[in-house]
Amino acid sequence: MVAAARTHAKGGQGVTIQYRTVRLPEDLCVEAEKWLAGRFDNLEALISFLLQEIVRDEGSRLDRAEEQLVQQRLRELGYI
């Protein structure tokens, strides 16, 4: 569910970023807030960071898998 939409000026252009509301267990949030004290501004910043890292890591894994496929195909064709 999209909870809100905000427009941010970036490089002279307006970029619309939509935000979602996520429901998490209260006790988990309290523990995470204790852990992130001094590391992140708030729980949303921590969750955004973690999700970005997961997405970036997954993209790297796909790139490595694709590279291995290309190398295998080149071997099969006798180029390497």
Protein backbone atom coordinates (compact mmCIF):
# COMPACT_ATOMS: atom_id res chain seq x y z
CA MET A 1 0.00 0.00 0.00
CA VAL A 2 1.41 3.38 -0.98
CA ALA A 3 1.14 5.65 2.04
CA ALA A 4 2.42 8.93 0.63
CA ALA A 5 4.12 10.51 -2.34
CA ARG A 6 6.75 13.25 -2.03
CA THR A 7 8.51 15.25 -4.71
CA HIS A 8 12.20 15.98 -4.28
CA ALA A 9 14.17 18.38 -6.46
CA LYS A 10 17.21 16.62 -7.84
CA GLY A 11 19.47 18.23 -10.41
CA GLY A 12 16.85 20.83 -11.24
CA GLN A 13 14.25 18.16 -11.93
CA GLY A 14 11.41 17.03 -9.72
CA VAL A 15 11.57 13.35 -8.83
CA THR A 16 8.55 11.72 -7.25
CA ILE A 17 9.32 9.12 -4.63
CA GLN A 18 6.47 7.04 -3.30
CA TYR A 19 6.67 5.62 0.20
CA ARG A 20 4.95 2.54 1.61
CA THR A 21 3.77 1.75 5.09
CA VAL A 22 5.22 -1.45 6.51
CA ARG A 23 3.85 -3.16 9.59
CA LEU A 24 6.45 -4.73 11.87
CA PRO A 25 6.21 -6.28 15.34
CA GLU A 26 6.63 -3.64 18.06
CA ASP A 27 9.23 -5.63 20.01
CA LEU A 28 11.37 -6.03 16.90
CA CYS A 29 11.22 -2.29 16.24
CA VAL A 30 12.18 -1.47 19.84
CA GLU A 31 15.20 -3.79 19.70
CA ALA A 32 16.26 -2.42 16.31
CA GLU A 33 15.97 1.16 17.59
CA LYS A 34 18.21 0.29 20.56
CA TRP A 35 20.75 -1.29 18.20
CA LEU A 36 20.78 1.57 15.70
CA ALA A 37 21.32 4.30 18.28
CA GLY A 38 24.08 6.48 16.82
CA ARG A 39 24.30 4.42 13.61
CA PHE A 40 21.17 5.50 11.75
CA ASP A 41 18.84 8.47 12.19
CA ASN A 42 15.77 6.27 12.52
CA LEU A 43 14.31 2.84 11.81
CA GLU A 44 13.27 3.83 8.29
CA ALA A 45 16.87 4.78 7.43
CA LEU A 46 18.11 1.39 8.70
CA ILE A 47 15.51 -0.58 6.75
CA SER A 48 16.16 1.44 3.57
CA PHE A 49 19.90 0.82 3.90
CA LEU A 50 19.43 -2.92 4.44
CA LEU A 51 17.07 -3.27 1.48
CA GLN A 52 19.47 -1.34 -0.78
CA GLU A 53 22.33 -3.61 0.27
CA ILE A 54 20.27 -6.73 -0.43
CA VAL A 55 19.26 -5.49 -3.87
CA ARG A 56 22.82 -4.45 -4.74
CA ASP A 57 24.24 -7.77 -3.51
CA GLU A 58 21.68 -9.73 -5.53
CA GLY A 59 22.59 -7.71 -8.62
CA SER A 60 26.27 -8.56 -8.11
CA ARG A 61 25.45 -12.25 -7.83
CA LEU A 62 23.52 -12.14 -11.09
CA ASP A 63 26.43 -10.36 -12.80
CA ARG A 64 28.86 -13.06 -11.63
CA ALA A 65 26.52 -15.81 -12.78
CA GLU A 66 26.17 -14.17 -16.18
CA GLU A 67 29.95 -13.80 -16.43
CA GLN A 68 30.39 -17.50 -15.67
CA LEU A 69 27.86 -18.38 -18.37
CA VAL A 70 29.70 -16.28 -20.94
CA GLN A 71 33.04 -17.81 -19.97
CA GLN A 72 31.61 -21.31 -20.21
CA ARG A 73 30.16 -20.58 -23.64
CA LEU A 74 33.48 -19.12 -24.82
CA ARG A 75 35.26 -22.26 -23.58
CA GLU A 76 32.77 -24.44 -25.45
CA LEU A 77 33.45 -22.44 -28.62
CA GLY A 78 37.22 -22.79 -28.10
CA TYR A 79 37.96 -19.11 -27.57
CA ILE A 80 39.38 -19.59 -24.07
